[in-house]
Amino acid sequence: MTEHNVRAKPEAVWPGLEAGVPKPVMPYSPAIKAGGWVFIAGQLASDFKTGIAPEAIPGNPYLEDGLQLQSRYVLNNLASTIEATGCDISRDTARIWEWFVSPDPTPAAFERGDNWTGISIDSYLNARASILDGTCPPTSSLGVAELMWLGTKVEVDMICFDDDDESVFYGLPEDQQSTSTGHAPALRHGDWVFLAAESAVDWIGDSLSPVHLGEPTAIADQARGNPNYWIGEPVERQTDYVLEKLAGIAAVAGTSLENTVKAEVYIGHPRDFSAMDRAWRRWFPENPPARVVTPNMGMGGRGCRVEIALTLLADDAKQKKQTIETSQAPEPLGHEAQAIKAGNFLFFSTQMAFDSAGKLADGMSRHPNNRWYGSPGQAQMRYMMKNVAAICEEAGTSVENICRRVCLHSDLQWFAESIEEWARYFPGDRPASTTIGLHGPFVVPGANTLLDLIAYIPD
């Protein structure tokens, strides 16, 4: 057993100002090492003092691209942070999340089923290609309402590996067309397989043709449905199509959907949850994976209603997955486990302040006739952490062993009281963290915070 697997708890890594990485002012660690994994907190183009770092501000916005400058700043800081952990950004990165600020879709657009951001991320992709040598690992790229520092355009977080295994990249099956963003569809590292976020775009034909990319008909025929009839739910059909695509990619990488440990599902309007969940039950009839479903996500293909990314174990993995259930935490929102244990890690499903009926738990909002009393952000975080603690205990770990936290707010007004409550649970090293502001409500009306968590389980 390697040193990585016998650590009693996660270890924070701070690159320091000498590495050129600004010190966070919020309660989180830039990087957390645990069990051979390295979790890198979200980086954005701020110096954490004045706002956007001076070197990321265009001198002339007509001559310099603000997104490209910010992207270089972010990715260089990520490379320095990863180097401080003993890893290399090109060699050891296994998974990337990319969050882009976009004014669209608006709440009205989400309401009518239009999730398209309408922005170009070419400047970011060019910066990424200049910093990551070789093949880019699987990614998720989503549009969001806002980030923590005014004027920042992109935030990026990552998972790396710090062990003796080498990562292997996999392409698409022969019946699928490749995307244009330059990342690998799949990566295997040891027992683990990561699949990039996929949508129902078919990627066939001339990208300038109105019959393909850039128009609603970019969606594959079998996923689109016919808008002239009152049968056929597009979100359900797209979920089926995306999972079919992912099943093919998983097979190329030496695994299958039944080995899925964790799914990340991105949708537009919260009402799309039920249609997605109907398809989900067909693909995972028994022992479903942990699943985090995030609404109000802007997508890069016009007509896309759902995107899905997966973390799996390989068919020949030595580690096994185990469903974690406890009566001390609410039933999940849909067809998902409360959490999945695999090896030394615990993958949580969506954490929000809901009860077992899927409604906002009692005491989690202000009374409508007393709108100024109470702290819903603090109350909801406290409620979620009680549930998280119960799930951790059932799995043989504790809250203090949480390694990765993605926190999404329906409005960033809830951040301050929420993060203050969160920090109370970590007297030592705090988890790597990314915080995102969204364009609207969650699947549970009244919920103001959603957590996506991974915890370490010591031997």
Protein backbone atom coordinates (compact mmCIF):
# COMPACT_ATOMS: atom_id res chain seq x y z
CA MET A 1 0.00 0.00 0.00
CA THR A 2 1.43 3.36 -0.98
CA GLU A 3 1.91 6.33 1.29
CA HIS A 4 -1.01 8.06 -0.44
CA ASN A 5 -3.47 5.41 0.70
CA VAL A 6 -2.48 5.33 4.37
CA ARG A 7 -2.82 9.03 5.12
CA ALA A 8 -5.18 9.49 8.04
CA LYS A 9 -6.75 12.62 6.61
CA PRO A 10 -6.65 14.96 3.61
CA GLU A 11 -3.66 17.31 3.38
CA ALA A 12 -3.87 20.92 2.22
CA VAL A 13 -1.27 22.38 -0.13
CA TRP A 14 -0.61 26.11 -0.27
CA PRO A 15 1.62 27.23 -3.17
CA GLY A 16 2.37 30.59 -1.56
CA LEU A 17 2.87 34.02 -3.03
CA GLU A 18 6.37 33.07 -4.19
CA ALA A 19 4.67 30.80 -6.74
CA GLY A 20 2.70 33.79 -8.02
CA VAL A 21 -0.65 32.46 -6.82
CA PRO A 22 -2.70 34.91 -4.72
CA LYS A 23 -3.78 33.64 -1.31
CA PRO A 24 -7.54 33.03 -1.06
CA VAL A 25 -9.45 35.28 1.31
CA MET A 26 -12.25 32.74 1.76
CA PRO A 27 -12.14 29.61 3.97
CA TYR A 28 -10.88 27.01 1.52
CA SER A 29 -7.60 25.36 0.53
CA PRO A 30 -6.08 25.86 -2.95
CA ALA A 31 -5.41 22.12 -3.18
CA ILE A 32 -6.20 19.00 -1.16
CA LYS A 33 -4.28 15.72 -1.45
CA ALA A 34 -5.93 12.48 -0.36
CA GLY A 35 -5.60 8.85 -1.40
CA GLY A 36 -3.48 9.61 -4.45
CA TRP A 37 -5.98 12.21 -5.73
CA VAL A 38 -5.35 15.96 -5.81
CA PHE A 39 -8.38 18.26 -5.74
CA ILE A 40 -7.67 21.75 -7.08
CA ALA A 41 -9.94 24.62 -5.98
CA GLY A 42 -11.57 26.86 -8.55
CA GLN A 43 -9.30 29.62 -9.83
CA LEU A 44 -10.48 32.88 -11.35
CA ALA A 45 -8.64 35.96 -12.56
CA SER A 46 -8.64 37.91 -9.31
CA ASP A 47 -5.79 39.05 -7.11
CA PHE A 48 -8.22 38.74 -4.15
CA LYS A 49 -7.47 42.35 -3.19
CA THR A 50 -8.71 44.80 -5.78
CA GLY A 51 -10.68 42.64 -8.21
CA ILE A 52 -9.40 41.46 -11.57
CA ALA A 53 -5.62 41.05 -11.50
CA PRO A 54 -3.93 43.90 -13.42
CA GLU A 55 -2.24 41.51 -15.87
CA ALA A 56 -5.65 40.09 -16.79
CA ILE A 57 -7.11 43.48 -17.73
CA PRO A 58 -6.85 44.47 -21.43
CA GLY A 59 -5.00 47.71 -22.03
CA ASN A 60 -7.15 48.22 -25.09
CA PRO A 61 -10.25 45.97 -25.23
CA TYR A 62 -10.33 46.26 -29.02
CA LEU A 63 -6.78 44.94 -29.33
CA GLU A 64 -6.68 42.42 -26.49
CA ASP A 65 -9.17 39.72 -25.59
CA GLY A 66 -10.29 39.91 -21.95
CA LEU A 67 -11.31 36.24 -21.83
CA GLN A 68 -7.96 35.14 -23.19
CA LEU A 69 -6.01 37.25 -20.68
CA GLN A 70 -8.12 35.96 -17.82
CA SER A 71 -7.81 32.40 -19.08
CA ARG A 72 -4.01 32.60 -19.20
CA TYR A 73 -3.91 34.04 -15.69
CA VAL A 74 -6.21 31.32 -14.34
CA LEU A 75 -4.45 28.44 -16.07
CA ASN A 76 -0.98 29.65 -15.12
CA ASN A 77 -2.07 29.84 -11.46
CA LEU A 78 -3.55 26.37 -11.74
CA ALA A 79 -0.28 25.07 -13.18
CA SER A 80 1.66 26.65 -10.29
CA THR A 81 -0.75 25.28 -7.71
CA ILE A 82 -0.54 21.80 -9.22
CA GLU A 83 3.25 22.01 -9.32
CA ALA A 84 3.24 22.81 -5.58
CA THR A 85 1.44 19.51 -4.97
CA GLY A 86 4.21 17.61 -6.75
CA CYS A 87 2.15 17.08 -9.90
CA ASP A 88 2.23 18.43 -13.44
CA ILE A 89 -0.81 20.06 -15.06
CA SER A 90 -0.24 18.32 -18.40
CA ARG A 91 0.75 14.89 -17.13
CA ASP A 92 -1.44 14.43 -14.07
CA THR A 93 -4.74 16.26 -14.68
CA ALA A 94 -7.63 13.81 -15.10
CA ARG A 95 -10.72 16.00 -15.04
CA ILE A 96 -11.48 19.70 -15.68
CA TRP A 97 -14.55 21.85 -14.91
CA GLU A 98 -14.88 25.16 -16.78
CA TRP A 99 -17.46 27.77 -15.73
CA PHE A 100 -18.06 30.70 -18.09
CA VAL A 101 -20.01 33.85 -17.19
CA SER A 102 -22.71 34.58 -19.72
CA PRO A 103 -25.69 36.99 -19.67
CA ASP A 104 -27.66 34.32 -21.53
CA PRO A 105 -29.69 32.27 -21.07
CA THR A 106 -31.93 34.63 -19.13
CA PRO A 107 -34.59 33.25 -16.76
CA ALA A 108 -37.12 33.83 -19.54
CA ALA A 109 -34.99 31.78 -21.94
CA PHE A 110 -34.72 28.92 -19.46
CA GLU A 111 -38.48 29.10 -19.02
CA ARG A 112 -39.04 28.44 -22.73
CA GLY A 113 -36.39 25.69 -22.88
CA ASP A 114 -33.58 27.71 -24.47
CA ASN A 115 -30.32 26.91 -22.66
CA TRP A 116 -27.89 28.34 -25.23
CA THR A 117 -25.25 30.80 -23.98
CA GLY A 118 -24.53 32.27 -27.41
CA ILE A 119 -20.91 33.03 -26.41
CA SER A 120 -17.63 31.86 -27.93
CA ILE A 121 -14.99 30.25 -25.72
CA ASP A 122 -12.30 30.03 -28.40
CA SER A 123 -10.06 32.46 -26.49
CA TYR A 124 -10.13 30.17 -23.47
CA LEU A 125 -9.51 27.06 -25.58
CA ASN A 126 -6.49 28.72 -27.21
CA ALA A 127 -5.07 29.64 -23.82
CA ARG A 128 -5.70 26.12 -22.52
CA ALA A 129 -3.95 24.56 -25.52
CA SER A 130 -0.90 26.76 -24.91
CA ILE A 131 -0.55 25.60 -21.29
CA LEU A 132 -1.63 21.95 -21.40
CA ASP A 133 0.82 19.92 -23.46
CA GLY A 134 -0.68 16.97 -25.29
CA THR A 135 -4.25 15.71 -24.97
CA CYS A 136 -6.66 17.65 -22.80
CA PRO A 137 -8.49 15.44 -20.28
CA PRO A 138 -12.30 15.19 -20.11
CA THR A 139 -14.05 18.47 -19.36
CA SER A 140 -17.40 20.02 -18.51
CA SER A 141 -17.98 23.54 -19.87
CA LEU A 142 -21.07 25.43 -18.63
CA GLY A 143 -22.47 28.93 -18.71
CA VAL A 144 -23.33 30.55 -15.35
CA ALA A 145 -24.71 33.87 -14.14
CA GLU A 146 -21.80 35.17 -12.07
CA LEU A 147 -18.61 34.38 -10.21
CA MET A 148 -17.37 35.65 -6.87
CA TRP A 149 -15.32 38.60 -8.16
CA LEU A 150 -16.93 41.26 -10.30
CA GLY A 151 -15.83 41.19 -13.92
CA THR A 152 -14.31 37.71 -13.88
CA LYS A 153 -15.28 35.69 -16.93
CA VAL A 154 -14.14 32.12 -16.22
CA GLU A 155 -13.43 29.83 -13.28
CA VAL A 156 -11.66 26.48 -13.60
CA ASP A 157 -11.20 23.62 -11.15
CA MET A 158 -9.51 20.25 -11.61
CA ILE A 159 -8.74 16.80 -10.28
CA CYS A 160 -5.24 15.38 -10.66
CA PHE A 161 -3.56 12.12 -9.65
CA ASP A 162 -0.42 11.83 -7.57
CA ASP A 163 0.56 8.17 -7.88
CA ASP A 164 2.55 5.80 -10.08
CA ASP A 165 -0.23 4.98 -12.56
CA GLU A 166 -0.33 6.59 -16.00
CA SER A 167 -3.46 8.05 -17.56
CA VAL A 168 -4.75 6.56 -20.80
CA PHE A 169 -6.92 8.63 -23.16
CA TYR A 170 -9.72 7.15 -25.24
CA GLY A 171 -11.52 8.43 -28.30
CA LEU A 172 -15.07 7.95 -29.51
CA PRO A 173 -16.65 4.78 -30.88
CA GLU A 174 -16.74 4.56 -34.66
CA ASP A 175 -20.41 5.57 -34.86
CA GLN A 176 -19.87 8.89 -33.04
CA GLN A 177 -18.47 12.15 -34.35
CA SER A 178 -15.87 14.18 -32.50
CA THR A 179 -16.44 17.53 -30.78
CA SER A 180 -14.49 20.67 -31.60
CA THR A 181 -13.25 21.69 -28.14
CA GLY A 182 -10.10 19.56 -28.13
CA HIS A 183 -10.65 17.44 -25.02
CA ALA A 184 -10.59 13.66 -24.73
CA PRO A 185 -13.98 11.96 -24.42
CA ALA A 186 -12.60 9.54 -21.83
CA LEU A 187 -9.61 9.00 -19.58
CA ARG A 188 -8.66 5.98 -17.49
CA HIS A 189 -6.33 6.20 -14.52
CA GLY A 190 -5.90 3.01 -12.56
CA ASP A 191 -9.35 1.75 -11.59
CA TRP A 192 -11.01 5.06 -12.47
CA VAL A 193 -12.62 6.23 -15.70
CA PHE A 194 -13.75 9.81 -16.34
CA LEU A 195 -16.12 10.70 -19.20
CA ALA A 196 -16.45 14.28 -20.46
CA ALA A 197 -19.82 16.01 -20.40
CA GLU A 198 -21.87 15.02 -23.43
CA SER A 199 -24.98 16.58 -24.96
CA ALA A 200 -27.40 15.47 -27.67
CA VAL A 201 -25.55 17.34 -30.44
CA ASP A 202 -24.74 14.97 -33.33
CA TRP A 203 -21.58 16.86 -34.53
CA ILE A 204 -22.24 15.76 -38.11
CA GLY A 205 -21.75 17.81 -41.24
CA ASP A 206 -20.72 21.36 -42.05
CA SER A 207 -20.74 23.52 -38.92
CA LEU A 208 -21.78 26.51 -41.03
CA SER A 209 -24.81 24.75 -42.44
CA PRO A 210 -28.20 25.67 -40.96
CA VAL A 211 -28.92 21.94 -40.98
CA HIS A 212 -26.30 21.26 -38.33
CA LEU A 213 -24.37 23.08 -35.60
CA GLY A 214 -25.63 26.48 -34.56
CA GLU A 215 -29.30 25.67 -35.14
CA PRO A 216 -31.84 23.53 -33.27
CA THR A 217 -31.32 20.78 -35.84
CA ALA A 218 -27.82 20.26 -34.40
CA ILE A 219 -29.60 17.95 -31.98
CA ALA A 220 -29.63 14.36 -33.21
CA ASP A 221 -32.86 13.36 -34.95
CA GLN A 222 -33.72 10.66 -32.41
CA ALA A 223 -33.21 13.13 -29.54
CA ARG A 224 -35.12 16.09 -30.91
CA GLY A 225 -38.71 14.92 -31.14
CA ASN A 226 -41.27 16.52 -33.42
CA PRO A 227 -42.47 19.96 -32.27
CA ASN A 228 -45.58 19.62 -34.42
CA TYR A 229 -47.07 16.90 -32.19
CA TRP A 230 -48.02 16.81 -28.54
CA ILE A 231 -46.14 13.59 -27.82
CA GLY A 232 -42.43 13.25 -27.22
CA GLU A 233 -40.66 14.97 -24.33
CA PRO A 234 -37.40 16.55 -25.62
CA VAL A 235 -35.55 16.44 -22.28
CA GLU A 236 -36.38 12.76 -21.83
CA ARG A 237 -35.38 11.95 -25.41
CA GLN A 238 -32.14 13.91 -25.10
CA THR A 239 -31.29 12.16 -21.82
CA ASP A 240 -31.77 8.79 -23.54
CA TYR A 241 -29.57 9.86 -26.42
CA VAL A 242 -26.81 11.27 -24.20
CA LEU A 243 -26.71 8.13 -22.05
CA GLU A 244 -26.55 6.03 -25.20
CA LYS A 245 -23.55 8.10 -26.35
CA LEU A 246 -21.89 7.75 -22.95
CA ALA A 247 -22.48 3.99 -22.92
CA GLY A 248 -20.58 3.73 -26.21
CA ILE A 249 -17.70 5.86 -24.93
CA ALA A 250 -17.58 3.88 -21.67
CA ALA A 251 -17.26 0.63 -23.63
CA VAL A 252 -14.28 2.00 -25.57
CA ALA A 253 -12.64 2.90 -22.23
CA GLY A 254 -13.19 -0.58 -20.79
CA THR A 255 -16.21 -0.04 -18.60
CA SER A 256 -20.01 0.20 -18.66
CA LEU A 257 -22.69 2.46 -17.24
CA GLU A 258 -23.49 0.00 -14.45
CA ASN A 259 -20.05 0.86 -13.03
CA THR A 260 -20.96 4.55 -12.72
CA VAL A 261 -20.05 5.94 -9.33
CA LYS A 262 -21.06 9.57 -9.81
CA ALA A 263 -23.07 11.44 -12.43
CA GLU A 264 -23.17 15.19 -12.99
CA VAL A 265 -26.34 16.22 -14.79
CA TYR A 266 -26.84 19.76 -16.07
CA ILE A 267 -30.30 20.96 -17.08
CA GLY A 268 -31.98 24.28 -17.85
CA HIS A 269 -35.29 24.86 -16.10
CA PRO A 270 -35.88 22.97 -12.81
CA ARG A 271 -39.02 21.38 -14.29
CA ASP A 272 -36.75 19.42 -16.67
CA PHE A 273 -35.72 17.24 -13.72
CA SER A 274 -38.70 14.87 -13.89
CA ALA A 275 -38.31 14.12 -17.62
CA MET A 276 -34.59 13.50 -17.17
CA ASP A 277 -35.31 11.24 -14.19
CA ARG A 278 -37.76 9.09 -16.17
CA ALA A 279 -35.05 8.26 -18.69
CA TRP A 280 -32.54 7.78 -15.88
CA ARG A 281 -34.64 5.01 -14.31
CA ARG A 282 -34.56 3.06 -17.56
CA TRP A 283 -30.77 3.22 -17.83
CA PHE A 284 -30.09 2.56 -14.13
CA PRO A 285 -32.97 0.30 -13.02
CA GLU A 286 -31.06 -0.92 -9.95
CA ASN A 287 -28.27 0.49 -7.78
CA PRO A 288 -28.20 3.94 -9.37
CA PRO A 289 -25.07 6.06 -8.94
CA ALA A 290 -24.70 9.17 -6.87
CA ARG A 291 -26.01 12.08 -8.94
CA VAL A 292 -25.83 15.85 -8.71
CA VAL A 293 -28.41 17.66 -10.84
CA THR A 294 -27.82 21.36 -11.42
CA PRO A 295 -30.41 23.56 -13.17
CA ASN A 296 -29.99 26.96 -14.80
CA MET A 297 -26.94 25.80 -16.70
CA GLY A 298 -26.05 27.56 -19.94
CA MET A 299 -24.99 25.17 -22.71
CA GLY A 300 -22.77 25.51 -25.75
CA GLY A 301 -25.09 23.98 -28.35
CA ARG A 302 -28.32 25.56 -29.46
CA GLY A 303 -31.21 23.24 -28.64
CA CYS A 304 -29.36 21.32 -25.90
CA ARG A 305 -31.55 20.63 -22.88
CA VAL A 306 -29.32 18.30 -20.85
CA GLU A 307 -25.61 17.50 -20.47
CA ILE A 308 -24.18 14.58 -18.51
CA ALA A 309 -20.68 13.68 -17.30
CA LEU A 310 -19.76 10.44 -15.50
CA THR A 311 -17.14 9.04 -13.13
CA LEU A 312 -16.90 5.26 -13.25
CA LEU A 313 -14.88 2.26 -12.17
CA ALA A 314 -13.33 0.13 -14.91
CA ASP A 315 -14.74 -3.35 -15.56
CA ASP A 316 -11.58 -4.91 -14.13
CA ALA A 317 -11.26 -2.52 -11.20
CA LYS A 318 -10.09 -3.97 -7.89
CA GLN A 319 -12.24 -1.46 -6.05
CA LYS A 320 -15.98 -1.96 -5.78
CA LYS A 321 -18.80 0.49 -5.41
CA GLN A 322 -21.15 0.43 -2.44
CA THR A 323 -24.43 2.27 -1.99
CA ILE A 324 -24.59 4.28 1.22
CA GLU A 325 -27.99 4.72 2.85
CA THR A 326 -28.97 6.16 6.21
CA SER A 327 -32.32 7.04 7.75
CA GLN A 328 -30.61 10.02 9.41
CA ALA A 329 -30.62 11.96 6.13
CA PRO A 330 -33.50 12.67 3.72
CA GLU A 331 -34.41 10.40 0.83
CA PRO A 332 -32.83 11.59 -2.45
CA LEU A 333 -34.78 13.83 -4.81
CA GLY A 334 -35.02 11.21 -7.57
CA HIS A 335 -33.55 7.91 -8.70
CA GLU A 336 -30.14 8.23 -7.09
CA ALA A 337 -28.22 6.99 -4.08
CA GLN A 338 -27.64 9.26 -1.11
CA ALA A 339 -23.97 8.56 -1.75
CA ILE A 340 -21.68 5.95 -3.30
CA LYS A 341 -18.53 4.63 -1.64
CA ALA A 342 -15.78 3.45 -4.00
CA GLY A 343 -12.34 2.65 -2.69
CA ASN A 344 -11.24 5.45 -0.39
CA PHE A 345 -13.76 8.00 -1.64
CA LEU A 346 -17.36 8.93 -0.97
CA PHE A 347 -19.36 10.61 -3.73
CA PHE A 348 -22.48 12.50 -2.63
CA SER A 349 -25.69 13.12 -4.51
CA THR A 350 -27.26 16.59 -4.60
CA GLN A 351 -27.23 18.24 -1.19
CA MET A 352 -29.92 20.87 -0.60
CA ALA A 353 -32.16 21.73 2.33
CA PHE A 354 -34.97 19.35 1.33
CA ASP A 355 -36.92 16.78 3.30
CA SER A 356 -37.77 13.22 2.26
CA ALA A 357 -40.81 14.49 0.37
CA GLY A 358 -38.57 16.63 -1.84
CA LYS A 359 -39.80 19.91 -0.36
CA LEU A 360 -37.90 22.64 1.45
CA ALA A 361 -37.40 21.48 5.03
CA ASP A 362 -39.21 23.32 7.80
CA GLY A 363 -37.50 26.43 9.12
CA MET A 364 -35.34 26.96 6.03
CA SER A 365 -36.88 30.22 4.85
CA ARG A 366 -38.14 33.50 6.27
CA HIS A 367 -41.83 33.81 7.03
CA PRO A 368 -43.56 35.71 4.19
CA ASN A 369 -45.02 38.15 6.72
CA ASN A 370 -41.66 38.69 8.44
CA ARG A 371 -39.27 38.98 5.50
CA TRP A 372 -36.36 40.50 7.41
CA TYR A 373 -35.96 37.98 10.22
CA GLY A 374 -33.77 34.90 10.03
CA SER A 375 -30.69 33.76 8.12
CA PRO A 376 -31.81 31.24 5.48
CA GLY A 377 -28.32 30.85 4.02
CA GLN A 378 -26.91 29.86 7.39
CA ALA A 379 -29.90 27.69 8.30
CA GLN A 380 -29.81 25.77 5.03
CA MET A 381 -26.07 25.13 5.26
CA ARG A 382 -26.44 23.91 8.85
CA TYR A 383 -29.25 21.56 7.80
CA MET A 384 -27.24 20.19 4.86
CA MET A 385 -24.15 19.63 6.97
CA LYS A 386 -26.19 17.65 9.52
CA ASN A 387 -27.25 15.35 6.68
CA VAL A 388 -23.75 15.21 5.22
CA ALA A 389 -22.36 14.25 8.63
CA ALA A 390 -24.87 11.39 8.91
CA ILE A 391 -23.96 10.06 5.45
CA CYS A 392 -20.25 10.36 6.25
CA GLU A 393 -20.69 8.42 9.47
CA GLU A 394 -22.57 5.64 7.69
CA ALA A 395 -19.71 5.39 5.17
CA GLY A 396 -16.99 5.31 7.82
CA THR A 397 -15.65 8.83 7.50
CA SER A 398 -16.36 12.34 8.79
CA VAL A 399 -17.18 15.82 7.54
CA GLU A 400 -13.59 16.93 8.15
CA ASN A 401 -12.50 14.52 5.38
CA ILE A 402 -14.43 16.33 2.64
CA CYS A 403 -11.94 17.07 -0.13
CA ARG A 404 -13.89 18.79 -2.88
CA ARG A 405 -16.79 21.20 -2.62
CA VAL A 406 -18.67 22.89 -5.42
CA CYS A 407 -21.21 25.32 -3.98
CA LEU A 408 -23.88 26.80 -6.23
CA HIS A 409 -26.20 29.58 -5.10
CA SER A 410 -29.49 30.62 -6.65
CA ASP A 411 -28.22 34.14 -5.89
CA LEU A 412 -24.81 35.07 -4.49
CA GLN A 413 -26.51 37.17 -1.81
CA TRP A 414 -26.59 33.90 0.17
CA PHE A 415 -22.85 33.35 0.04
CA ALA A 416 -21.67 35.27 3.11
CA GLU A 417 -23.87 33.68 5.76
CA SER A 418 -23.59 30.29 4.05
CA ILE A 419 -19.78 30.20 3.96
CA GLU A 420 -19.55 31.39 7.56
CA GLU A 421 -21.59 28.38 8.67
CA TRP A 422 -19.64 26.04 6.37
CA ALA A 423 -16.29 27.08 7.83
CA ARG A 424 -17.36 26.07 11.35
CA TYR A 425 -17.10 22.38 10.39
CA PHE A 426 -13.42 22.53 9.44
CA PRO A 427 -11.14 23.55 12.33
CA GLY A 428 -8.16 22.29 10.31
CA ASP A 429 -7.64 22.18 6.57
CA ARG A 430 -10.65 23.32 4.55
CA PRO A 431 -11.72 21.49 1.36
CA ALA A 432 -10.83 22.74 -2.10
CA SER A 433 -13.81 24.80 -3.18
CA THR A 434 -15.54 26.42 -6.14
CA THR A 435 -18.47 28.84 -5.73
CA ILE A 436 -20.87 29.67 -8.54
CA GLY A 437 -23.86 32.01 -8.89
CA LEU A 438 -26.77 30.86 -11.05
CA HIS A 439 -29.54 32.53 -13.03
CA GLY A 440 -32.49 31.19 -11.04
CA PRO A 441 -34.08 28.70 -8.65
CA PHE A 442 -33.22 25.11 -7.87
CA VAL A 443 -35.36 21.99 -8.24
CA VAL A 444 -36.48 22.50 -4.63
CA PRO A 445 -38.35 25.84 -4.45
CA GLY A 446 -36.92 28.03 -1.71
CA ALA A 447 -33.53 26.32 -1.61
CA ASN A 448 -30.73 28.85 -1.93
CA THR A 449 -27.66 26.59 -1.91
CA LEU A 450 -26.64 23.35 -3.62
CA LEU A 451 -23.55 21.34 -2.65
CA ASP A 452 -21.62 18.84 -4.75
CA LEU A 453 -19.17 16.98 -2.47
CA ILE A 454 -16.49 14.30 -2.48
CA ALA A 455 -15.03 12.99 0.79
CA TYR A 456 -12.05 10.81 1.63
CA ILE A 457 -12.46 7.60 3.63
CA PRO A 458 -9.24 6.73 5.48
CA ASP A 459 -8.18 3.08 5.65
